[in-house]
């Protein structure tokens, strides 16, 4: 959905925007609304992606899972995939950004390194390397970043009743 605001007025209605540019709150799931509520309290959160790299070529890498946001270090792969879907939906609406080149100064990335799901990812890559010595993506890596509420996300949040 395009944001039609220009200079405080809406292109669509040519008036001060009465909400025609905002995302319909009914389009959001309860989980999406709750995550936006979390961002109302903590506007920047750590996010990661699991990447497979190659010792055979520095140019080879493949994202195996992204975005990864953990509620706890014990989150299962199923939990992480559900959150991934939620985050991609919010990003698709333009309500959050997912940046892997912007790190949080005080972000707790150690929790991701010690997580159950990252241990499983590393084990899977190692098994692939062991079972197929010619496998190119033989090195697991954790790339860190941040997720944040956008201006549009803030506007939407202000009109939600969470």
Protein backbone atom coordinates (compact mmCIF):
# COMPACT_ATOMS: atom_id res chain seq x y z
CA UNK A 1 0.00 0.00 0.00
CA UNK A 2 1.52 3.33 -1.06
CA UNK A 3 1.76 6.19 1.38
CA UNK A 4 0.12 9.09 -0.41
CA UNK A 5 1.03 11.84 2.05
CA UNK A 6 2.94 14.80 0.71
CA UNK A 7 3.72 17.82 2.84
CA UNK A 8 1.15 16.92 5.51
CA UNK A 9 -1.68 16.65 3.00
CA UNK A 10 -2.91 13.53 1.31
CA UNK A 11 -2.73 13.26 -2.48
CA UNK A 12 -5.83 11.11 -2.50
CA UNK A 13 -8.17 13.37 -0.56
CA UNK A 14 -6.22 16.67 -0.94
CA UNK A 15 -6.95 17.44 2.70
CA UNK A 16 -5.21 16.83 5.98
CA UNK A 17 -5.10 13.09 6.01
CA UNK A 18 -8.08 11.56 7.72
CA UNK A 19 -6.65 8.09 7.57
CA UNK A 20 -7.09 7.07 3.95
CA UNK A 21 -3.33 6.51 3.66
CA UNK A 22 -2.99 4.43 6.81
CA UNK A 23 -3.07 0.70 6.73
CA UNK A 24 -6.41 -0.72 7.78
CA UNK A 25 -5.91 -1.95 11.34
CA UNK A 26 -8.31 -4.80 10.55
CA UNK A 27 -5.78 -6.12 8.04
CA UNK A 28 -3.31 -6.81 10.83
CA UNK A 29 -3.39 -10.02 12.83
CA UNK A 30 -3.43 -9.92 16.61
CA UNK A 31 0.19 -11.15 16.61
CA UNK A 32 1.23 -8.31 14.27
CA UNK A 33 -0.52 -5.78 16.49
CA UNK A 34 1.17 -7.23 19.58
CA UNK A 35 4.60 -7.02 17.92
CA UNK A 36 3.94 -3.39 17.01
CA UNK A 37 3.04 -2.89 20.68
CA UNK A 38 6.44 -4.31 21.62
CA UNK A 39 8.06 -1.77 19.30
CA UNK A 40 6.10 1.00 21.00
CA UNK A 41 8.04 0.16 24.17
CA UNK A 42 11.37 -0.76 22.54
CA UNK A 43 11.64 0.96 19.14
CA UNK A 44 14.79 -0.92 18.04
CA UNK A 45 15.29 -4.66 18.43
CA UNK A 46 18.09 -7.03 17.44
CA UNK A 47 17.53 -9.25 14.43
CA UNK A 48 19.80 -11.77 12.73
CA UNK A 49 20.03 -13.99 9.73
CA UNK A 50 21.58 -17.41 9.40
CA UNK A 51 23.97 -17.55 6.47
CA UNK A 52 25.94 -20.37 4.91
CA UNK A 53 29.33 -19.33 3.55
CA UNK A 54 32.02 -21.18 1.66
CA UNK A 55 35.65 -21.83 2.52
CA UNK A 56 36.20 -22.56 -1.17
CA UNK A 57 35.14 -19.11 -2.42
CA UNK A 58 34.73 -15.86 -0.49
CA UNK A 59 32.03 -14.81 -2.96
CA UNK A 60 29.68 -17.65 -2.15
CA UNK A 61 27.10 -17.21 0.55
CA UNK A 62 23.46 -18.11 0.93
CA UNK A 63 20.91 -16.86 3.44
CA UNK A 64 19.35 -19.92 5.04
CA UNK A 65 16.93 -18.18 7.41
CA UNK A 66 15.98 -14.52 7.77
CA UNK A 67 14.82 -12.57 9.56
CA UNK A 68 15.46 -14.28 12.87
CA UNK A 69 14.05 -12.61 15.98
CA UNK A 70 14.14 -14.54 19.25
CA UNK A 71 11.78 -14.22 22.17
CA UNK A 72 13.99 -16.59 24.17
CA UNK A 73 17.12 -18.65 23.53
CA UNK A 74 14.91 -21.73 23.71
CA UNK A 75 12.71 -20.75 20.74
CA UNK A 76 12.18 -23.68 18.40
CA UNK A 77 12.68 -23.56 14.65
CA UNK A 78 8.89 -23.54 14.31
CA UNK A 79 8.68 -20.48 16.62
CA UNK A 80 11.37 -18.67 14.64
CA UNK A 81 9.63 -19.42 11.32
CA UNK A 82 6.32 -18.06 12.67
CA UNK A 83 8.05 -14.88 13.79
CA UNK A 84 9.82 -14.66 10.43
CA UNK A 85 6.45 -14.69 8.65
CA UNK A 86 5.13 -12.03 10.99
CA UNK A 87 8.16 -9.77 10.48
CA UNK A 88 8.10 -10.14 6.71
CA UNK A 89 4.42 -9.22 6.75
CA UNK A 90 5.05 -6.09 8.83
CA UNK A 91 7.97 -5.15 6.58
CA UNK A 92 5.76 -5.73 3.52
CA UNK A 93 3.22 -3.27 4.91
CA UNK A 94 6.07 -0.78 5.38
CA UNK A 95 5.60 -0.74 9.17
CA UNK A 96 9.09 -1.95 10.12
CA UNK A 97 12.56 -2.02 8.62
CA UNK A 98 14.93 -4.98 8.71
CA UNK A 99 18.53 -3.83 8.46
CA UNK A 100 21.56 -6.10 8.57
CA UNK A 101 24.02 -3.24 8.19
CA UNK A 102 22.75 -1.30 11.23
CA UNK A 103 23.76 -2.85 14.54
CA UNK A 104 22.38 -1.95 17.93
CA UNK A 105 25.02 -0.61 20.32
CA UNK A 106 23.60 -2.54 23.24
CA UNK A 107 21.96 -5.33 21.25
CA UNK A 108 22.05 -8.74 22.89
CA UNK A 109 23.39 -10.75 19.97
CA UNK A 110 25.04 -13.28 22.29
CA UNK A 111 21.58 -14.69 22.95
CA UNK A 112 21.34 -15.52 19.25
CA UNK A 113 24.74 -17.21 19.21
CA UNK A 114 23.77 -19.35 22.21
CA UNK A 115 20.25 -20.10 21.00
CA UNK A 116 18.87 -23.56 20.44
CA UNK A 117 17.89 -22.75 16.86
CA UNK A 118 21.35 -21.43 15.92
CA UNK A 119 22.95 -24.56 17.41
CA UNK A 120 20.64 -26.64 15.23
CA UNK A 121 21.59 -24.58 12.17
CA UNK A 122 25.33 -25.03 12.84
CA UNK A 123 24.83 -28.76 13.35
CA UNK A 124 22.91 -29.05 10.08
CA UNK A 125 25.64 -27.24 8.11
CA UNK A 126 28.33 -29.44 9.71
CA UNK A 127 26.39 -32.59 8.83
CA UNK A 128 26.06 -31.38 5.24
CA UNK A 129 29.81 -30.80 5.07
CA UNK A 130 30.52 -34.22 6.58
CA UNK A 131 28.08 -36.09 4.31
CA UNK A 132 29.02 -34.21 1.14
CA UNK A 133 32.64 -33.07 1.10
CA UNK A 134 32.03 -31.22 -2.21
CA UNK A 135 29.25 -29.14 -0.63
CA UNK A 136 30.12 -25.48 -1.22
CA UNK A 137 28.23 -23.90 1.69
CA UNK A 138 30.29 -25.43 4.46
CA UNK A 139 30.48 -22.66 7.06
CA UNK A 140 27.61 -21.41 9.23
CA UNK A 141 27.55 -17.70 10.05
CA UNK A 142 25.36 -15.39 12.06
CA UNK A 143 24.84 -11.92 10.60
CA UNK A 144 23.43 -9.38 13.01
CA UNK A 145 21.28 -6.35 12.44
CA UNK A 146 18.29 -4.46 13.76
CA UNK A 147 14.61 -4.00 13.19
CA UNK A 148 12.79 -0.75 13.79
CA UNK A 149 9.42 0.88 13.52
CA UNK A 150 9.04 3.13 10.45
CA UNK A 151 7.19 6.45 10.41
CA UNK A 152 4.25 4.68 8.85
CA UNK A 153 4.47 2.03 11.55
CA UNK A 154 4.40 4.73 14.23
CA UNK A 155 1.30 6.30 12.65
CA UNK A 156 -0.39 2.92 12.48
CA UNK A 157 0.54 2.15 16.06
CA UNK A 158 -1.03 5.41 17.23
CA UNK A 159 -4.36 4.30 15.75
CA UNK A 160 -4.37 0.76 17.11
CA UNK A 161 -5.99 -0.25 20.32
CA UNK A 162 -3.60 -2.81 21.75
